[in-house]
Protein backbone atom coordinates (compact mmCIF):
# COMPACT_ATOMS: atom_id res chain seq x y z
CA MET A 1 -43.36 -4.83 -3.37
CA LYS A 2 -40.54 -3.94 -5.14
CA LYS A 3 -37.02 -6.09 -5.29
CA VAL A 4 -33.43 -5.44 -7.07
CA VAL A 5 -32.02 -8.85 -7.54
CA LYS A 6 -28.15 -8.82 -8.70
CA PHE A 7 -26.49 -12.38 -9.94
CA GLY A 8 -23.08 -12.83 -9.67
CA GLY A 9 -20.67 -14.08 -12.98
CA SER A 10 -21.22 -18.04 -11.91
CA SER A 11 -24.81 -17.17 -11.77
CA LEU A 12 -24.57 -16.20 -15.53
CA ALA A 13 -22.02 -17.98 -16.80
CA ASN A 14 -23.85 -19.77 -19.93
CA ALA A 15 -27.33 -20.67 -21.23
CA GLU A 16 -28.30 -22.96 -18.67
CA GLN A 17 -27.28 -20.95 -15.70
CA PHE A 18 -29.10 -17.68 -17.36
CA LYS A 19 -32.31 -19.88 -17.75
CA LYS A 20 -32.28 -20.42 -13.95
CA VAL A 21 -31.75 -16.77 -13.25
CA GLY A 22 -34.85 -16.29 -15.97
CA ASP A 23 -37.18 -18.42 -13.73
CA ILE A 24 -36.19 -16.52 -10.60
CA ILE A 25 -37.02 -13.58 -11.71
CA ARG A 26 -40.03 -14.52 -13.37
CA SER A 27 -41.38 -16.10 -10.20
CA GLU A 28 -41.85 -13.38 -8.46
CA GLU A 29 -43.29 -9.95 -9.90
CA SER A 30 -42.00 -7.46 -7.18
CA ARG A 31 -38.14 -8.89 -9.12
CA ARG A 32 -38.42 -5.59 -11.40
CA TYR A 33 -34.89 -4.20 -11.42
CA VAL A 34 -31.95 -6.59 -12.58
CA VAL A 35 -28.06 -5.91 -11.97
CA PRO A 36 -25.94 -8.34 -13.82
CA SER A 37 -22.78 -9.08 -13.75
CA ALA A 38 -20.20 -10.21 -16.38
CA PRO A 39 -20.54 -14.20 -17.12
CA GLY A 40 -18.29 -15.73 -14.97
CA LYS A 41 -16.49 -19.43 -15.30
CA ARG A 42 -18.39 -22.33 -17.15
CA TYR A 43 -16.17 -24.68 -15.21
CA SER A 44 -13.15 -25.27 -13.50
CA GLY A 45 -10.03 -24.17 -15.59
CA ASP A 46 -12.62 -21.71 -17.25
CA THR A 47 -11.64 -17.70 -17.97
CA LYS A 48 -14.03 -15.35 -16.56
CA VAL A 49 -15.11 -12.96 -19.44
CA THR A 50 -13.92 -9.92 -17.48
CA ASP A 51 -10.33 -11.64 -17.81
CA LEU A 52 -10.59 -12.18 -21.55
CA LEU A 53 -11.70 -8.19 -21.94
CA TYR A 54 -8.68 -7.25 -19.75
CA ALA A 55 -6.21 -9.93 -21.99
CA CYS A 56 -8.11 -8.09 -25.08
CA TYR A 57 -7.33 -4.78 -24.38
CA ASP A 58 -3.84 -5.50 -23.34
CA LYS A 59 -2.83 -6.90 -26.55
CA ALA A 60 -5.13 -3.64 -28.30
CA ALA A 61 -2.78 -1.61 -26.05
CA ALA A 62 0.71 -2.84 -26.92
CA GLY A 63 -0.80 -2.34 -31.04
CA ALA A 64 -0.52 -6.28 -31.04
CA ASP A 65 -3.81 -8.01 -33.07
CA PHE A 66 -6.46 -8.95 -30.88
CA THR A 67 -8.90 -10.03 -33.30
CA GLY A 68 -8.40 -13.63 -32.00
CA ILE A 69 -9.53 -12.85 -28.48
CA LEU A 70 -12.34 -10.58 -29.19
CA ASN A 71 -14.29 -13.28 -31.63
CA GLU A 72 -13.74 -15.28 -28.14
CA ILE A 73 -15.46 -13.40 -26.01
CA LYS A 74 -17.90 -12.75 -29.25
CA GLU A 75 -18.78 -16.49 -28.75
CA ARG A 76 -19.29 -16.70 -25.28
CA PHE A 77 -21.84 -14.33 -25.83
CA TYR A 78 -23.40 -15.85 -28.82
CA GLU A 79 -22.88 -19.28 -27.38
CA ILE A 80 -26.11 -18.20 -24.55
CA ILE A 81 -27.77 -16.13 -26.83
CA LYS A 82 -28.17 -19.08 -28.82
CA GLY A 83 -28.86 -21.41 -26.30
CA LEU A 84 -31.74 -18.63 -24.89
CA LYS A 85 -33.46 -19.42 -28.18
CA ILE A 86 -33.31 -15.35 -28.60
CA GLU A 87 -33.16 -12.49 -31.09
CA LEU A 88 -30.69 -10.61 -31.12
CA SER A 89 -27.32 -9.25 -32.69
CA LEU A 90 -24.49 -7.73 -30.86
CA GLU A 91 -22.46 -6.94 -34.34
CA GLU A 92 -22.60 -3.23 -33.32
CA GLU A 93 -21.52 -3.35 -30.36
CA PHE A 94 -18.90 -5.31 -30.96
CA ARG A 95 -17.79 -3.12 -33.92
CA GLN A 96 -17.63 -0.25 -31.40
CA ILE A 97 -16.07 -2.55 -28.91
CA GLU A 98 -12.98 -2.72 -31.15
CA ALA A 99 -13.02 0.27 -32.51
CA ASP A 100 -12.84 2.00 -28.86
CA PHE A 101 -10.03 -0.46 -27.97
CA LYS A 102 -8.35 0.45 -30.97
CA ALA A 103 -8.46 4.36 -29.66
CA GLN A 104 -7.07 3.13 -26.56
CA ALA A 105 -10.44 3.86 -24.60
CA GLY A 106 -8.76 2.44 -21.22
CA ALA A 107 -8.52 -0.56 -18.92
CA GLU A 108 -11.59 0.35 -17.14
CA TYR A 109 -13.71 0.98 -19.92
CA ALA A 110 -12.78 -2.65 -21.50
CA ALA A 111 -13.21 -4.20 -18.17
CA SER A 112 -16.94 -2.72 -17.73
CA ARG A 113 -17.94 -4.40 -21.46
CA GLY A 114 -18.93 -7.92 -19.70
CA GLU A 115 -20.97 -6.15 -17.94
CA PHE A 116 -22.39 -4.29 -20.28
CA LEU A 117 -23.28 -7.03 -22.82
CA ASN A 118 -24.57 -9.56 -20.49
CA GLY A 119 -27.39 -6.11 -19.94
CA LYS A 120 -28.05 -6.12 -23.44
CA VAL A 121 -28.36 -9.89 -23.50
CA MET A 122 -30.71 -10.00 -19.90
CA ALA A 123 -32.47 -7.22 -21.05
CA ALA A 124 -33.82 -8.75 -24.18
CA TYR A 125 -34.25 -12.37 -22.51
CA LEU A 126 -36.59 -11.08 -19.68
CA GLY A 127 -38.31 -8.34 -22.31
CA TYR A 128 -37.17 -5.91 -19.68
CA GLU A 129 -36.07 -2.27 -20.50
CA PHE A 130 -32.44 -1.72 -20.69
CA VAL A 131 -30.27 1.19 -18.80
CA ASP A 132 -26.65 1.53 -19.42
CA ALA A 133 -25.14 2.31 -16.14
CA ALA A 134 -22.86 4.71 -17.24
CA THR A 135 -25.56 7.41 -17.79
CA VAL A 136 -27.20 6.82 -13.72
CA ILE A 137 -24.23 6.05 -12.09
CA ARG A 138 -21.58 9.37 -11.75
CA PHE A 139 -18.28 9.50 -10.99
CA ASP A 140 -16.47 12.98 -10.56
CA LYS A 141 -13.77 14.58 -13.13
CA ASN A 142 -11.22 13.04 -10.68
CA GLY A 143 -12.78 10.02 -10.63
CA ASN A 144 -14.51 9.76 -7.41
CA PHE A 145 -17.81 8.17 -7.05
CA ASP A 146 -20.69 10.92 -6.62
CA ALA A 147 -23.54 9.50 -4.56
CA ASP A 148 -25.30 12.48 -4.72
CA LYS A 149 -25.25 12.78 -8.13
CA THR A 150 -26.06 9.11 -8.70
CA ASP A 151 -29.08 8.81 -6.70
CA LYS A 152 -30.84 11.53 -8.07
CA LEU A 153 -29.84 9.90 -11.48
CA LEU A 154 -30.93 6.65 -10.79
CA ALA A 155 -34.49 7.96 -9.04
CA LYS A 156 -35.21 10.16 -12.38
CA ARG A 157 -34.40 7.28 -14.85
CA LEU A 158 -35.94 4.66 -13.12
CA GLN A 159 -39.18 6.38 -12.39
CA LYS A 160 -39.80 5.89 -16.41
CA CYS A 161 -39.08 2.32 -16.21
CA GLU A 162 -41.40 -0.45 -14.51
CA LYS A 163 -38.83 -3.55 -15.08
CA ALA A 164 -35.23 -2.26 -16.35
CA VAL A 165 -32.17 -3.93 -16.65
CA ILE A 166 -29.08 -2.07 -15.04
CA PRO A 167 -25.36 -3.49 -15.71
CA GLY A 168 -23.32 -3.83 -12.77
CA PHE A 169 -19.33 -3.03 -11.83
CA TYR A 170 -18.98 0.65 -13.75
CA GLY A 171 -20.35 3.72 -14.34
CA GLY A 172 -19.15 7.23 -16.30
CA MET A 173 -18.06 10.62 -15.72
CA GLU A 174 -19.86 13.89 -16.87
CA ASP A 175 -17.79 13.97 -20.42
CA GLY A 176 -18.87 9.66 -21.25
CA THR A 177 -15.60 8.38 -19.79
CA VAL A 178 -16.67 5.12 -18.39
CA LYS A 179 -15.21 4.47 -14.48
CA THR A 180 -15.18 1.08 -13.03
CA PHE A 181 -15.78 0.37 -8.86
CA SER A 182 -12.40 -1.46 -7.60
CA ARG A 183 -14.12 -4.08 -5.62
CA GLY A 184 -17.33 -5.74 -5.10
CA GLY A 185 -18.46 -3.67 -8.14
CA SER A 186 -22.10 -5.15 -9.09
CA ASP A 187 -22.78 -5.61 -5.55
CA VAL A 188 -22.01 -1.60 -5.49
CA THR A 189 -24.71 -1.21 -8.33
CA GLY A 190 -27.24 -3.17 -6.49
CA SER A 191 -27.43 -1.67 -3.34
CA LEU A 192 -27.88 1.52 -5.29
CA VAL A 193 -30.34 0.98 -7.33
CA ALA A 194 -32.17 0.04 -4.58
CA LYS A 195 -31.64 2.88 -2.57
CA ALA A 196 -32.91 4.96 -5.48
CA ILE A 197 -36.00 2.80 -6.32
CA HIS A 198 -36.51 2.53 -2.71
CA ALA A 199 -36.77 -1.04 -2.87
CA ASP A 200 -38.39 -3.37 0.60
CA ILE A 201 -35.66 -6.27 -0.07
CA TYR A 202 -32.48 -6.31 -2.23
CA GLU A 203 -31.42 -9.96 -3.69
CA ASN A 204 -28.03 -10.53 -3.53
CA TRP A 205 -28.18 -13.69 -5.96
CA THR A 206 -24.64 -15.91 -5.66
CA ASP A 207 -23.32 -19.65 -6.13
CA VAL A 208 -23.83 -19.71 -2.06
CA SER A 209 -26.65 -20.32 -0.07
CA GLY A 210 -26.34 -17.40 2.69
CA PHE A 211 -23.55 -16.46 5.09
CA LEU A 212 -21.96 -19.36 6.75
CA VAL A 213 -21.37 -19.13 10.40
CA THR A 214 -17.59 -20.04 10.19
CA ASP A 215 -14.86 -20.65 8.03
CA PRO A 216 -16.24 -23.72 5.32
CA ARG A 217 -12.18 -24.66 4.52
CA ILE A 218 -11.18 -25.15 8.04
CA VAL A 219 -15.16 -26.56 9.53
CA ASP A 220 -16.95 -28.75 7.01
CA ASN A 221 -20.58 -27.95 6.10
CA PRO A 222 -20.64 -25.21 8.43
CA ALA A 223 -24.19 -23.89 9.45
CA VAL A 224 -25.86 -21.17 7.28
CA ILE A 225 -26.83 -17.58 9.07
CA GLU A 226 -30.22 -16.84 9.23
CA THR A 227 -30.19 -13.19 10.17
CA ILE A 228 -26.99 -11.03 10.81
CA THR A 229 -27.27 -7.56 11.97
CA TYR A 230 -24.84 -5.13 9.71
CA ARG A 231 -23.00 -4.26 13.01
CA GLU A 232 -22.54 -8.06 14.08
CA LEU A 233 -21.07 -8.24 9.96
CA ARG A 234 -18.71 -5.74 10.24
CA GLU A 235 -17.12 -7.35 13.01
CA LEU A 236 -16.90 -10.27 11.02
CA SER A 237 -15.48 -9.00 8.13
CA TYR A 238 -13.48 -7.14 9.84
CA MET A 239 -11.80 -10.10 10.81
CA GLY A 240 -11.36 -11.66 7.72
CA ALA A 241 -14.99 -13.15 6.83
CA THR A 242 -15.72 -12.96 3.23
CA VAL A 243 -18.77 -10.73 3.28
CA LEU A 244 -20.01 -7.98 1.50
CA HIS A 245 -17.82 -5.16 0.80
CA GLU A 246 -18.67 -2.28 2.88
CA ASP A 247 -19.16 0.01 -0.03
CA ALA A 248 -22.22 -2.55 -1.39
CA ILE A 249 -23.75 -2.01 1.97
CA PHE A 250 -23.91 1.58 2.64
CA PRO A 251 -26.34 2.86 0.31
CA VAL A 252 -29.23 -0.08 1.68
CA ARG A 253 -27.99 0.26 5.01
CA LYS A 254 -28.16 4.17 4.99
CA GLU A 255 -32.20 3.28 4.09
CA GLY A 256 -32.82 0.39 6.57
CA ILE A 257 -33.58 -1.52 3.24
CA PRO A 258 -32.80 -5.44 3.78
CA ILE A 259 -30.27 -7.44 1.78
CA ASN A 260 -30.91 -11.28 1.19
CA ILE A 261 -28.11 -13.33 0.04
CA ARG A 262 -29.70 -16.11 -2.60
CA ASN A 263 -28.35 -19.04 -4.06
CA THR A 264 -28.87 -19.38 -7.69
CA ASN A 265 -28.42 -22.97 -7.83
CA ARG A 266 -30.89 -23.70 -4.59
CA PRO A 267 -33.76 -20.98 -5.10
CA GLU A 268 -35.82 -22.59 -2.66
CA ASP A 269 -33.44 -21.80 0.30
CA LYS A 270 -34.17 -19.00 2.41
CA GLY A 271 -30.16 -17.72 2.16
CA THR A 272 -29.47 -14.97 5.00
CA PHE A 273 -31.12 -12.00 5.80
CA ILE A 274 -28.90 -8.68 6.86
CA VAL A 275 -30.78 -6.19 8.42
CA GLU A 276 -30.20 -2.70 10.76
CA SER A 277 -31.69 -4.90 13.69
CA THR A 278 -33.91 -7.32 14.69
CA CYS A 279 -36.11 -8.62 17.63
CA ARG A 280 -35.45 -12.03 15.94
CA LYS A 281 -33.82 -14.57 18.36
CA PRO A 282 -30.32 -16.40 16.71
CA LYS A 283 -30.58 -20.13 16.00
CA TYR A 284 -27.39 -19.89 18.17
CA VAL A 285 -26.13 -18.03 20.69
CA ILE A 286 -23.39 -17.10 18.25
CA THR A 287 -24.04 -15.74 15.12
CA GLY A 288 -20.02 -16.35 14.00
CA ILE A 289 -16.96 -16.75 13.95
CA ALA A 290 -13.80 -15.31 11.70
CA GLY A 291 -10.25 -15.32 12.56
CA LYS A 292 -6.78 -14.41 10.89
CA LYS A 293 -3.29 -15.43 11.30
CA GLY A 294 -0.35 -13.45 11.66
CA PHE A 295 -0.24 -10.99 14.94
CA CYS A 296 2.37 -10.53 17.10
CA SER A 297 1.86 -8.74 21.03
CA ILE A 298 4.01 -6.14 22.54
CA ASN A 299 3.13 -6.35 26.24
CA ILE A 300 4.28 -3.36 28.49
CA GLU A 301 4.57 -3.25 32.28
CA LYS A 302 5.61 -0.57 34.68
CA SER A 303 4.53 0.24 38.44
CA MET A 304 1.62 2.59 38.73
CA MET A 305 0.94 2.66 35.39
CA ASN A 306 -2.81 3.21 36.06
CA SER A 307 -2.22 6.95 37.90
CA GLU A 308 -0.09 8.09 35.12
CA VAL A 309 -2.17 9.89 33.01
CA GLY A 310 -1.47 9.90 29.65
CA PHE A 311 0.34 6.78 29.70
CA GLY A 312 -2.03 4.86 26.74
CA ARG A 313 -1.55 8.05 24.83
CA LYS A 314 2.13 8.27 25.01
CA VAL A 315 2.18 4.58 23.95
CA LEU A 316 -0.23 4.41 20.95
CA GLN A 317 1.35 7.84 19.66
CA VAL A 318 5.18 5.33 19.10
CA PHE A 319 2.53 3.09 17.18
CA GLU A 320 1.30 5.89 15.27
CA ASP A 321 4.62 7.88 14.30
CA GLN A 322 5.67 4.70 12.87
CA GLY A 323 2.82 4.30 10.48
CA ILE A 324 1.54 0.86 12.62
CA ASN A 325 -1.83 0.24 12.78
CA PHE A 326 -2.77 -1.68 16.68
CA GLU A 327 -5.67 -4.20 16.86
CA HIS A 328 -6.23 -4.72 20.14
CA VAL A 329 -5.38 -2.75 23.46
CA PRO A 330 -6.10 -5.21 26.55
CA SER A 331 -4.67 -3.79 29.93
CA GLY A 332 -4.33 -4.47 33.76
CA ILE A 333 -3.29 -2.45 36.26
CA ASP A 334 0.62 -2.31 35.79
CA THR A 335 -0.05 -4.06 32.14
CA MET A 336 -0.61 -2.88 28.80
CA THR A 337 -0.59 -5.25 25.29
CA ILE A 338 -0.66 -3.80 21.90
CA TYR A 339 -1.60 -6.77 18.99
CA VAL A 340 -0.69 -5.29 15.51
CA HIS A 341 0.15 -7.27 12.51
CA GLN A 342 3.40 -9.17 12.45
CA ASP A 343 4.52 -8.36 9.05
CA GLU A 344 3.54 -4.32 9.58
CA PHE A 345 5.89 -4.58 12.99
CA GLU A 346 8.81 -6.53 12.23
CA GLU A 347 10.70 -3.98 10.27
CA LYS A 348 9.69 -1.01 12.70
CA GLU A 349 10.26 -2.99 16.26
CA GLN A 350 13.27 -2.10 17.55
CA GLN A 351 12.35 1.80 16.40
CA VAL A 352 8.66 1.17 18.28
CA ILE A 353 10.74 -0.56 21.46
CA ALA A 354 13.25 2.73 21.67
CA GLY A 355 10.26 5.03 21.55
CA ILE A 356 8.52 3.27 23.77
CA HIS A 357 11.15 3.41 26.82
CA ARG A 358 11.45 7.54 25.94
CA ALA A 359 8.20 8.16 26.01
CA VAL A 360 6.80 5.88 29.67
CA GLN A 361 9.81 4.47 30.87
CA PRO A 362 8.80 1.03 31.11
CA ASP A 363 9.86 -1.30 33.70
CA PHE A 364 9.43 -4.41 31.16
CA VAL A 365 8.47 -4.28 27.37
CA GLU A 366 8.07 -8.37 26.02
CA MET A 367 7.05 -9.39 22.39
CA GLU A 368 5.56 -12.25 21.55
CA SER A 369 5.45 -13.67 17.46
CA ASP A 370 3.00 -16.03 15.60
CA LEU A 371 -0.05 -15.00 17.16
CA ALA A 372 -3.46 -15.77 15.67
CA LEU A 373 -6.63 -13.53 17.01
CA ILE A 374 -10.67 -15.04 17.04
CA ALA A 375 -13.38 -13.05 16.81
CA VAL A 376 -16.61 -15.00 18.37
CA VAL A 377 -19.71 -12.23 17.02
CA GLY A 378 -22.87 -12.24 18.42
CA ARG A 379 -26.26 -10.38 19.78
CA GLY A 380 -27.35 -14.11 21.44
CA MET A 381 -24.39 -13.10 23.79
CA LYS A 382 -25.62 -10.39 25.17
CA SER A 383 -28.84 -12.26 27.02
CA GLN A 384 -26.95 -15.35 27.51
CA ARG A 385 -25.13 -16.40 30.62
CA GLY A 386 -21.32 -18.02 30.71
CA THR A 387 -20.71 -17.47 27.22
CA ALA A 388 -17.14 -16.46 27.66
CA ALA A 389 -16.68 -19.84 29.87
CA ARG A 390 -17.99 -21.98 27.62
CA VAL A 391 -14.84 -20.44 25.09
CA PHE A 392 -12.99 -20.96 27.80
CA ALA A 393 -13.90 -25.06 28.64
CA ALA A 394 -13.83 -25.64 24.41
CA LEU A 395 -10.79 -24.65 24.08
CA ALA A 396 -9.03 -25.90 27.71
CA HIS A 397 -10.87 -29.47 26.00
CA ALA A 398 -8.92 -28.78 22.54
CA HIS A 399 -5.74 -28.27 24.77
CA VAL A 400 -5.29 -25.00 23.28
CA ASN A 401 -3.56 -21.84 25.12
CA VAL A 402 -5.22 -18.52 25.41
CA LYS A 403 -2.97 -15.92 25.39
CA MET A 404 -5.59 -13.33 25.00
CA ILE A 405 -9.24 -12.91 25.67
CA ASP A 406 -10.83 -8.87 25.37
CA GLN A 407 -15.32 -8.75 25.52
CA GLY A 408 -16.48 -5.49 24.08
CA SER A 409 -18.08 -3.51 26.25
CA SER A 410 -21.32 -3.57 23.86
CA GLU A 411 -21.40 -8.02 24.65
CA LEU A 412 -21.38 -7.95 20.88
CA ASN A 413 -17.92 -9.90 20.49
CA ILE A 414 -14.99 -12.02 22.19
CA ILE A 415 -11.86 -11.51 20.64
CA ILE A 416 -9.78 -14.99 21.86
CA GLY A 417 -5.44 -14.77 21.48
CA VAL A 418 -3.95 -17.74 20.35
CA GLU A 419 -0.67 -19.25 18.91
CA ASN A 420 -1.33 -20.15 14.84
CA ARG A 421 -0.32 -23.48 15.15
CA ASP A 422 -3.52 -23.93 17.50
CA PHE A 423 -5.76 -21.41 15.19
CA GLU A 424 -8.00 -23.81 13.00
CA THR A 425 -8.22 -26.20 16.42
CA ALA A 426 -9.27 -23.57 18.41
CA LEU A 427 -11.79 -21.94 15.54
CA LYS A 428 -13.30 -25.73 15.08
CA ALA A 429 -13.81 -26.16 19.37
CA ILE A 430 -15.53 -22.99 19.43
CA TYR A 431 -17.58 -23.84 16.33
CA ASP A 432 -18.75 -27.80 17.62
CA ILE A 433 -19.57 -26.01 21.48
CA PHE A 434 -21.86 -23.34 20.13
CA VAL A 435 -23.53 -25.06 17.47
CA LEU A 436 -23.15 -28.40 16.70
CA THR A 437 -23.96 -29.26 20.26
CA GLN A 438 -27.46 -27.41 19.17
CA ILE A 439 -28.23 -29.50 16.13
């Protein structure tokens, strides 16, 4: 078995955390390819190494003395090296970084050095081979990521490595210029490595024991999702759940490689498995609940709307012409409602209303603001009768007025519209009836 293991910044913030990571990697022979992030915060109020590098480069770019911040960064790494009791000098690397900063190599180069240096430390600590991501993660001359070239370079290079450390977050162009990924960079690197080596599992280690059923800022200690499909994950992330970035999921999804989200500080926890499909029954009827505030609805009424060919297209064309995305479009025989982001819509509301009148001559147009949308997602809903009824019952019991309910044809999700002020109450009520009542 081959595993790619990626560790986030909080997992590598100091020597103590590094030792935990080392124990995790050494506990399974299959954990052969490691993708580290830059050191994160050691404690509340601390500064991430990447942020220090940005600040250091800003000074260098402005022609100011940056040696003080560079020494602070150097101390962070030597503190880890000393704590690990390994023989490793980074003096040559820091001399090169200082020279490159003076030559104004760019902010992306500066930001990448945290992962680069941490990769050097990790390789020395584990006795693994170090592979510079700039040589195997390729961007084209326009700075766009080149997936095919990267896959070939990674596969060829790692074929020669029994065990390797590949720093996350960055890659390089043909001329050697360092480029970084815009979001979730180290997660993306881990996914690319897993695809290239045809890994059995991609383990993503962080500071939580997997994805939670709902937002822990609203519900105290929500349950952990044991297994979630990519489709469910897409629905939840679209509605605001904090999950892996899509760019980090696509390479492994394409290859059918499962992702396992694990907790560095609680390695005994199984975490969450993200899979293409599964015959495993979910622990609860629902997989997760997520939502967002800040929507408004535009309700259009017109007699005999259903017999007017092209009515919906004409209405949505008005929104497109104004550059406004719609979120949901529930409809009836003589009514059509469009949900949009309120902040996008407010500036152009009069143009939209005028456009609707010109396009379809409605009998009546009504708007409502300060609404929230909640997505109840779960593959288990398909085989369970009365899910929508239970949602309504929970919300009625919590004295929440439902403004809209919309169930997709896939029966994978139910979208509920409520007032902003009822958002937290509604989310708690749905969680309680589907999760707490089954514990």
